[in-house]
Full PDB file with SEQRES, HELIX, SHEET, SSBOND, CRYST1, ORIGX, SCALE, CONECT and MASTER records, all heavy atoms in Angstrom:
SEQRES   1 A   30  PRO ALA PRO ARG THR LEU LYS GLU ALA ILE SER GLY PRO          
SEQRES   2 A   30  LEU LYS ASP LEU LEU GLN ARG LYS GLY ILE ALA TYR LEU          
SEQRES   3 A   30  LEU ALA PHE ALA                                              
HELIX    1 AA1 LEU A    6  LEU A   18  1                                  13    
HELIX    2 AA2 ILE A   23  PHE A   29  1                                   7    
CRYST1    1.000    1.000    1.000  90.00  90.00  90.00 P 1           1          
ORIGX1      1.000000  0.000000  0.000000        0.00000                         
ORIGX2      0.000000  1.000000  0.000000        0.00000                         
ORIGX3      0.000000  0.000000  1.000000        0.00000                         
SCALE1      1.000000  0.000000  0.000000        0.00000                         
SCALE2      0.000000  1.000000  0.000000        0.00000                         
SCALE3      0.000000  0.000000  1.000000        0.00000                         
ATOM      1  N   PRO A   1      14.821  -1.965   3.144  1.00  0.00           N  
ATOM      2  CA  PRO A   1      15.118  -0.702   3.826  1.00  0.00           C  
ATOM      3  C   PRO A   1      13.867  -0.081   4.425  1.00  0.00           C  
ATOM      4  O   PRO A   1      12.761  -0.236   3.899  1.00  0.00           O  
ATOM      5  CB  PRO A   1      15.689   0.171   2.706  1.00  0.00           C  
ATOM      6  CG  PRO A   1      15.158  -0.426   1.443  1.00  0.00           C  
ATOM      7  CD  PRO A   1      15.059  -1.895   1.694  1.00  0.00           C  
ATOM      8  N   ALA A   2      14.045   0.622   5.525  1.00  0.00           N  
ATOM      9  CA  ALA A   2      12.918   1.231   6.223  1.00  0.00           C  
ATOM     10  C   ALA A   2      12.418   2.462   5.482  1.00  0.00           C  
ATOM     11  O   ALA A   2      13.180   3.128   4.765  1.00  0.00           O  
ATOM     12  CB  ALA A   2      13.341   1.623   7.641  1.00  0.00           C  
ATOM     13  N   PRO A   3      11.131   2.797   5.615  1.00  0.00           N  
ATOM     14  CA  PRO A   3      10.629   4.074   5.087  1.00  0.00           C  
ATOM     15  C   PRO A   3      11.417   5.234   5.694  1.00  0.00           C  
ATOM     16  O   PRO A   3      11.877   5.160   6.827  1.00  0.00           O  
ATOM     17  CB  PRO A   3       9.162   4.091   5.546  1.00  0.00           C  
ATOM     18  CG  PRO A   3       8.818   2.665   5.789  1.00  0.00           C  
ATOM     19  CD  PRO A   3      10.074   2.013   6.272  1.00  0.00           C  
ATOM     20  N   ARG A   4      11.550   6.317   4.941  1.00  0.00           N  
ATOM     21  CA  ARG A   4      12.379   7.430   5.390  1.00  0.00           C  
ATOM     22  C   ARG A   4      11.743   8.231   6.519  1.00  0.00           C  
ATOM     23  O   ARG A   4      12.437   8.807   7.354  1.00  0.00           O  
ATOM     24  CB  ARG A   4      12.693   8.343   4.206  1.00  0.00           C  
ATOM     25  CG  ARG A   4      13.656   7.727   3.187  1.00  0.00           C  
ATOM     26  CD  ARG A   4      13.677   8.487   1.902  1.00  0.00           C  
ATOM     27  NE  ARG A   4      12.383   8.393   1.213  1.00  0.00           N  
ATOM     28  CZ  ARG A   4      12.128   8.934   0.026  1.00  0.00           C  
ATOM     29  NH1 ARG A   4      13.078   9.626  -0.601  1.00  0.00           N  
ATOM     30  NH2 ARG A   4      10.944   8.800  -0.533  1.00  0.00           N  
ATOM     31  N   THR A   5      10.401   8.297   6.541  1.00  0.00           N  
ATOM     32  CA  THR A   5       9.705   9.064   7.577  1.00  0.00           C  
ATOM     33  C   THR A   5       8.517   8.259   8.090  1.00  0.00           C  
ATOM     34  O   THR A   5       8.058   7.305   7.443  1.00  0.00           O  
ATOM     35  CB  THR A   5       9.181  10.404   7.030  1.00  0.00           C  
ATOM     36  OG1 THR A   5       8.191  10.141   6.012  1.00  0.00           O  
ATOM     37  CG2 THR A   5      10.321  11.229   6.434  1.00  0.00           C  
ATOM     38  N   LEU A   6       8.004   8.653   9.263  1.00  0.00           N  
ATOM     39  CA  LEU A   6       6.808   7.998   9.796  1.00  0.00           C  
ATOM     40  C   LEU A   6       5.608   8.252   8.889  1.00  0.00           C  
ATOM     41  O   LEU A   6       4.758   7.368   8.717  1.00  0.00           O  
ATOM     42  CB  LEU A   6       6.522   8.513  11.212  1.00  0.00           C  
ATOM     43  CG  LEU A   6       5.302   7.911  11.910  1.00  0.00           C  
ATOM     44  CD1 LEU A   6       5.419   6.394  12.007  1.00  0.00           C  
ATOM     45  CD2 LEU A   6       5.111   8.526  13.297  1.00  0.00           C  
ATOM     46  N   LYS A   7       5.544   9.444   8.315  1.00  0.00           N  
ATOM     47  CA  LYS A   7       4.439   9.760   7.401  1.00  0.00           C  
ATOM     48  C   LYS A   7       4.429   8.790   6.224  1.00  0.00           C  
ATOM     49  O   LYS A   7       3.383   8.287   5.823  1.00  0.00           O  
ATOM     50  CB  LYS A   7       4.568  11.195   6.894  1.00  0.00           C  
ATOM     51  CG  LYS A   7       3.451  11.606   5.941  1.00  0.00           C  
ATOM     52  CD  LYS A   7       3.620  13.050   5.487  1.00  0.00           C  
ATOM     53  CE  LYS A   7       2.501  13.437   4.514  1.00  0.00           C  
ATOM     54  NZ  LYS A   7       2.667  14.843   4.041  1.00  0.00           N  
ATOM     55  N   GLU A   8       5.616   8.524   5.687  1.00  0.00           N  
ATOM     56  CA  GLU A   8       5.705   7.559   4.587  1.00  0.00           C  
ATOM     57  C   GLU A   8       5.323   6.160   5.062  1.00  0.00           C  
ATOM     58  O   GLU A   8       4.669   5.400   4.331  1.00  0.00           O  
ATOM     59  CB  GLU A   8       7.123   7.532   4.017  1.00  0.00           C  
ATOM     60  CG  GLU A   8       7.274   6.562   2.852  1.00  0.00           C  
ATOM     61  CD  GLU A   8       8.707   6.364   2.418  1.00  0.00           C  
ATOM     62  OE1 GLU A   8       9.583   7.123   2.876  1.00  0.00           O  
ATOM     63  OE2 GLU A   8       8.980   5.420   1.633  1.00  0.00           O  
ATOM     64  N   ALA A   9       5.715   5.805   6.286  1.00  0.00           N  
ATOM     65  CA  ALA A   9       5.390   4.482   6.825  1.00  0.00           C  
ATOM     66  C   ALA A   9       3.890   4.292   6.994  1.00  0.00           C  
ATOM     67  O   ALA A   9       3.386   3.168   6.905  1.00  0.00           O  
ATOM     68  CB  ALA A   9       6.096   4.282   8.163  1.00  0.00           C  
ATOM     69  N   ILE A  10       3.163   5.397   7.258  1.00  0.00           N  
ATOM     70  CA  ILE A  10       1.711   5.314   7.439  1.00  0.00           C  
ATOM     71  C   ILE A  10       0.982   5.352   6.103  1.00  0.00           C  
ATOM     72  O   ILE A  10       0.106   4.524   5.830  1.00  0.00           O  
ATOM     73  CB  ILE A  10       1.218   6.460   8.351  1.00  0.00           C  
ATOM     74  CG1 ILE A  10       1.803   6.293   9.760  1.00  0.00           C  
ATOM     75  CG2 ILE A  10      -0.307   6.484   8.408  1.00  0.00           C  
ATOM     76  CD1 ILE A  10       1.508   7.464  10.679  1.00  0.00           C  
ATOM     77  N   SER A  11       1.348   6.327   5.259  1.00  0.00           N  
ATOM     78  CA  SER A  11       0.610   6.517   4.000  1.00  0.00           C  
ATOM     79  C   SER A  11       1.158   5.644   2.872  1.00  0.00           C  
ATOM     80  O   SER A  11       0.413   5.249   1.969  1.00  0.00           O  
ATOM     81  CB  SER A  11       0.659   7.980   3.578  1.00  0.00           C  
ATOM     82  OG  SER A  11       2.008   8.392   3.360  1.00  0.00           O  
ATOM     83  N   GLY A  12       2.457   5.347   2.931  1.00  0.00           N  
ATOM     84  CA  GLY A  12       3.088   4.589   1.853  1.00  0.00           C  
ATOM     85  C   GLY A  12       2.452   3.236   1.573  1.00  0.00           C  
ATOM     86  O   GLY A  12       2.192   2.907   0.407  1.00  0.00           O  
ATOM     87  N   PRO A  13       2.193   2.411   2.607  1.00  0.00           N  
ATOM     88  CA  PRO A  13       1.594   1.093   2.347  1.00  0.00           C  
ATOM     89  C   PRO A  13       0.244   1.171   1.657  1.00  0.00           C  
ATOM     90  O   PRO A  13      -0.044   0.383   0.748  1.00  0.00           O  
ATOM     91  CB  PRO A  13       1.459   0.486   3.753  1.00  0.00           C  
ATOM     92  CG  PRO A  13       2.461   1.197   4.575  1.00  0.00           C  
ATOM     93  CD  PRO A  13       2.533   2.584   4.031  1.00  0.00           C  
ATOM     94  N   LEU A  14      -0.589   2.126   2.072  1.00  0.00           N  
ATOM     95  CA  LEU A  14      -1.912   2.263   1.455  1.00  0.00           C  
ATOM     96  C   LEU A  14      -1.800   2.773   0.027  1.00  0.00           C  
ATOM     97  O   LEU A  14      -2.479   2.271  -0.883  1.00  0.00           O  
ATOM     98  CB  LEU A  14      -2.776   3.215   2.295  1.00  0.00           C  
ATOM     99  CG  LEU A  14      -3.159   2.699   3.688  1.00  0.00           C  
ATOM    100  CD1 LEU A  14      -3.942   3.763   4.448  1.00  0.00           C  
ATOM    101  CD2 LEU A  14      -3.994   1.423   3.569  1.00  0.00           C  
ATOM    102  N   LYS A  15      -0.945   3.782  -0.194  1.00  0.00           N  
ATOM    103  CA  LYS A  15      -0.760   4.298  -1.551  1.00  0.00           C  
ATOM    104  C   LYS A  15      -0.233   3.210  -2.470  1.00  0.00           C  
ATOM    105  O   LYS A  15      -0.677   3.070  -3.618  1.00  0.00           O  
ATOM    106  CB  LYS A  15       0.209   5.481  -1.537  1.00  0.00           C  
ATOM    107  CG  LYS A  15      -0.369   6.761  -0.945  1.00  0.00           C  
ATOM    108  CD  LYS A  15       0.650   7.895  -1.011  1.00  0.00           C  
ATOM    109  CE  LYS A  15       0.076   9.191  -0.448  1.00  0.00           C  
ATOM    110  NZ  LYS A  15       1.083  10.297  -0.486  1.00  0.00           N  
ATOM    111  N   ASP A  16       0.715   2.430  -1.957  1.00  0.00           N  
ATOM    112  CA  ASP A  16       1.288   1.356  -2.765  1.00  0.00           C  
ATOM    113  C   ASP A  16       0.227   0.349  -3.180  1.00  0.00           C  
ATOM    114  O   ASP A  16       0.177  -0.078  -4.339  1.00  0.00           O  
ATOM    115  CB  ASP A  16       2.395   0.661  -1.971  1.00  0.00           C  
ATOM    116  CG  ASP A  16       2.958  -0.539  -2.702  1.00  0.00           C  
ATOM    117  OD1 ASP A  16       3.681  -0.343  -3.697  1.00  0.00           O  
ATOM    118  OD2 ASP A  16       2.660  -1.687  -2.301  1.00  0.00           O  
ATOM    119  N   LEU A  17      -0.659  -0.014  -2.243  1.00  0.00           N  
ATOM    120  CA  LEU A  17      -1.701  -0.990  -2.562  1.00  0.00           C  
ATOM    121  C   LEU A  17      -2.739  -0.409  -3.509  1.00  0.00           C  
ATOM    122  O   LEU A  17      -3.140  -1.053  -4.494  1.00  0.00           O  
ATOM    123  CB  LEU A  17      -2.381  -1.465  -1.275  1.00  0.00           C  
ATOM    124  CG  LEU A  17      -1.563  -2.371  -0.356  1.00  0.00           C  
ATOM    125  CD1 LEU A  17      -2.343  -2.674   0.915  1.00  0.00           C  
ATOM    126  CD2 LEU A  17      -1.181  -3.668  -1.051  1.00  0.00           C  
ATOM    127  N   LEU A  18      -3.182   0.804  -3.233  1.00  0.00           N  
ATOM    128  CA  LEU A  18      -4.253   1.404  -4.031  1.00  0.00           C  
ATOM    129  C   LEU A  18      -3.813   1.727  -5.450  1.00  0.00           C  
ATOM    130  O   LEU A  18      -4.646   1.810  -6.355  1.00  0.00           O  
ATOM    131  CB  LEU A  18      -4.768   2.672  -3.338  1.00  0.00           C  
ATOM    132  CG  LEU A  18      -5.469   2.440  -1.989  1.00  0.00           C  
ATOM    133  CD1 LEU A  18      -5.859   3.761  -1.341  1.00  0.00           C  
ATOM    134  CD2 LEU A  18      -6.706   1.559  -2.165  1.00  0.00           C  
ATOM    135  N   GLN A  19      -2.519   1.905  -5.659  1.00  0.00           N  
ATOM    136  CA  GLN A  19      -2.022   2.210  -6.997  1.00  0.00           C  
ATOM    137  C   GLN A  19      -1.775   0.964  -7.836  1.00  0.00           C  
ATOM    138  O   GLN A  19      -1.493   1.057  -9.025  1.00  0.00           O  
ATOM    139  CB  GLN A  19      -0.721   3.012  -6.890  1.00  0.00           C  
ATOM    140  CG  GLN A  19      -0.929   4.445  -6.392  1.00  0.00           C  
ATOM    141  CD  GLN A  19       0.383   5.161  -6.116  1.00  0.00           C  
ATOM    142  OE1 GLN A  19       1.466   4.579  -6.255  1.00  0.00           O  
ATOM    143  NE2 GLN A  19       0.300   6.430  -5.731  1.00  0.00           N  
ATOM    144  N   ARG A  20      -1.898  -0.207  -7.229  1.00  0.00           N  
ATOM    145  CA  ARG A  20      -1.654  -1.440  -7.973  1.00  0.00           C  
ATOM    146  C   ARG A  20      -2.843  -1.787  -8.866  1.00  0.00           C  
ATOM    147  O   ARG A  20      -3.998  -1.681  -8.461  1.00  0.00           O  
ATOM    148  CB  ARG A  20      -1.390  -2.602  -7.013  1.00  0.00           C  
ATOM    149  CG  ARG A  20      -0.130  -2.481  -6.206  1.00  0.00           C  
ATOM    150  CD  ARG A  20       0.101  -3.770  -5.436  1.00  0.00           C  
ATOM    151  NE  ARG A  20       1.104  -3.613  -4.393  1.00  0.00           N  
ATOM    152  CZ  ARG A  20       1.469  -4.585  -3.578  1.00  0.00           C  
ATOM    153  NH1 ARG A  20       0.920  -5.790  -3.702  1.00  0.00           N  
ATOM    154  NH2 ARG A  20       2.388  -4.370  -2.654  1.00  0.00           N  
ATOM    155  N   LYS A  21      -2.520  -2.256 -10.035  1.00  0.00           N  
ATOM    156  CA  LYS A  21      -3.555  -2.730 -10.942  1.00  0.00           C  
ATOM    157  C   LYS A  21      -4.156  -4.025 -10.402  1.00  0.00           C  
ATOM    158  O   LYS A  21      -3.443  -4.954 -10.041  1.00  0.00           O  
ATOM    159  CB  LYS A  21      -2.947  -2.967 -12.326  1.00  0.00           C  
ATOM    160  CG  LYS A  21      -3.930  -3.505 -13.355  1.00  0.00           C  
ATOM    161  CD  LYS A  21      -3.214  -3.788 -14.658  1.00  0.00           C  
ATOM    162  CE  LYS A  21      -4.189  -4.408 -15.671  1.00  0.00           C  
ATOM    163  NZ  LYS A  21      -3.489  -4.732 -16.959  1.00  0.00           N  
ATOM    164  N   GLY A  22      -5.464  -4.078 -10.318  1.00  0.00           N  
ATOM    165  CA  GLY A  22      -6.145  -5.296  -9.887  1.00  0.00           C  
ATOM    166  C   GLY A  22      -6.118  -5.548  -8.399  1.00  0.00           C  
ATOM    167  O   GLY A  22      -6.443  -6.661  -7.948  1.00  0.00           O  
ATOM    168  N   ILE A  23      -5.767  -4.536  -7.577  1.00  0.00           N  
ATOM    169  CA  ILE A  23      -5.673  -4.754  -6.134  1.00  0.00           C  
ATOM    170  C   ILE A  23      -7.014  -5.125  -5.522  1.00  0.00           C  
ATOM    171  O   ILE A  23      -7.077  -5.856  -4.533  1.00  0.00           O  
ATOM    172  CB  ILE A  23      -5.090  -3.498  -5.431  1.00  0.00           C  
ATOM    173  CG1 ILE A  23      -4.817  -3.787  -3.951  1.00  0.00           C  
ATOM    174  CG2 ILE A  23      -6.016  -2.306  -5.605  1.00  0.00           C  
ATOM    175  CD1 ILE A  23      -3.845  -4.886  -3.698  1.00  0.00           C  
ATOM    176  N   ALA A  24      -8.116  -4.654  -6.136  1.00  0.00           N  
ATOM    177  CA  ALA A  24      -9.446  -4.960  -5.595  1.00  0.00           C  
ATOM    178  C   ALA A  24      -9.707  -6.468  -5.596  1.00  0.00           C  
ATOM    179  O   ALA A  24     -10.345  -6.998  -4.677  1.00  0.00           O  
ATOM    180  CB  ALA A  24     -10.526  -4.244  -6.398  1.00  0.00           C  
ATOM    181  N   TYR A  25      -9.200  -7.168  -6.617  1.00  0.00           N  
ATOM    182  CA  TYR A  25      -9.383  -8.619  -6.679  1.00  0.00           C  
ATOM    183  C   TYR A  25      -8.635  -9.309  -5.534  1.00  0.00           C  
ATOM    184  O   TYR A  25      -9.156 -10.234  -4.894  1.00  0.00           O  
ATOM    185  CB  TYR A  25      -8.887  -9.165  -8.020  1.00  0.00           C  
ATOM    186  CG  TYR A  25      -9.677  -8.679  -9.210  1.00  0.00           C  
ATOM    187  CD1 TYR A  25      -9.121  -7.784 -10.113  1.00  0.00           C  
ATOM    188  CD2 TYR A  25     -10.978  -9.116  -9.430  1.00  0.00           C  
ATOM    189  CE1 TYR A  25      -9.833  -7.339 -11.213  1.00  0.00           C  
ATOM    190  CE2 TYR A  25     -11.708  -8.681 -10.525  1.00  0.00           C  
ATOM    191  CZ  TYR A  25     -11.133  -7.792 -11.411  1.00  0.00           C  
ATOM    192  OH  TYR A  25     -11.851  -7.346 -12.495  1.00  0.00           O  
ATOM    193  N   LEU A  26      -7.411  -8.857  -5.281  1.00  0.00           N  
ATOM    194  CA  LEU A  26      -6.615  -9.458  -4.214  1.00  0.00           C  
ATOM    195  C   LEU A  26      -7.243  -9.212  -2.845  1.00  0.00           C  
ATOM    196  O   LEU A  26      -7.331 -10.125  -2.014  1.00  0.00           O  
ATOM    197  CB  LEU A  26      -5.191  -8.899  -4.242  1.00  0.00           C  
ATOM    198  CG  LEU A  26      -4.239  -9.410  -3.158  1.00  0.00           C  
ATOM    199  CD1 LEU A  26      -4.058 -10.920  -3.262  1.00  0.00           C  
ATOM    200  CD2 LEU A  26      -2.892  -8.708  -3.243  1.00  0.00           C  
ATOM    201  N   LEU A  27      -7.707  -7.970  -2.607  1.00  0.00           N  
ATOM    202  CA  LEU A  27      -8.327  -7.650  -1.322  1.00  0.00           C  
ATOM    203  C   LEU A  27      -9.630  -8.431  -1.138  1.00  0.00           C  
ATOM    204  O   LEU A  27      -9.931  -8.910  -0.038  1.00  0.00           O  
ATOM    205  CB  LEU A  27      -8.586  -6.145  -1.225  1.00  0.00           C  
ATOM    206  CG  LEU A  27      -7.336  -5.252  -1.220  1.00  0.00           C  
ATOM    207  CD1 LEU A  27      -7.738  -3.781  -1.155  1.00  0.00           C  
ATOM    208  CD2 LEU A  27      -6.409  -5.603  -0.059  1.00  0.00           C  
ATOM    209  N   ALA A  28     -10.400  -8.557  -2.217  1.00  0.00           N  
ATOM    210  CA  ALA A  28     -11.647  -9.334  -2.134  1.00  0.00           C  
ATOM    211  C   ALA A  28     -11.341 -10.804  -1.848  1.00  0.00           C  
ATOM    212  O   ALA A  28     -12.041 -11.463  -1.064  1.00  0.00           O  
ATOM    213  CB  ALA A  28     -12.436  -9.204  -3.431  1.00  0.00           C  
ATOM    214  N   PHE A  29     -10.294 -11.311  -2.462  1.00  0.00           N  
ATOM    215  CA  PHE A  29      -9.903 -12.700  -2.224  1.00  0.00           C  
ATOM    216  C   PHE A  29      -9.488 -12.903  -0.776  1.00  0.00           C  
ATOM    217  O   PHE A  29      -9.809 -13.930  -0.169  1.00  0.00           O  
ATOM    218  CB  PHE A  29      -8.750 -13.073  -3.157  1.00  0.00           C  
ATOM    219  CG  PHE A  29      -8.381 -14.527  -3.115  1.00  0.00           C  
ATOM    220  CD1 PHE A  29      -9.166 -15.474  -3.760  1.00  0.00           C  
ATOM    221  CD2 PHE A  29      -7.250 -14.957  -2.439  1.00  0.00           C  
ATOM    222  CE1 PHE A  29      -8.825 -16.827  -3.725  1.00  0.00           C  
ATOM    223  CE2 PHE A  29      -6.898 -16.292  -2.405  1.00  0.00           C  
ATOM    224  CZ  PHE A  29      -7.691 -17.232  -3.050  1.00  0.00           C  
ATOM    225  N   ALA A  30      -8.790 -11.924  -0.197  1.00  0.00           N  
ATOM    226  CA  ALA A  30      -8.387 -12.011   1.204  1.00  0.00           C  
ATOM    227  C   ALA A  30      -9.592 -12.127   2.120  1.00  0.00           C  
ATOM    228  O   ALA A  30      -9.549 -12.780   3.166  1.00  0.00           O  
ATOM    229  CB  ALA A  30      -7.551 -10.790   1.583  1.00  0.00           C  
TER     230      ALA A  30                                                      
MASTER        0    0    0    2    0    0    0    6  229    1    0    3          
END                                                                             
């Protein structure tokens, strides 16, 4: 399903990634 608002579409992906445990390892691997 699509994000409910454009604001969520912009901020949601970053918040989702930054709140994940161990995301720094995945980003460094990328």
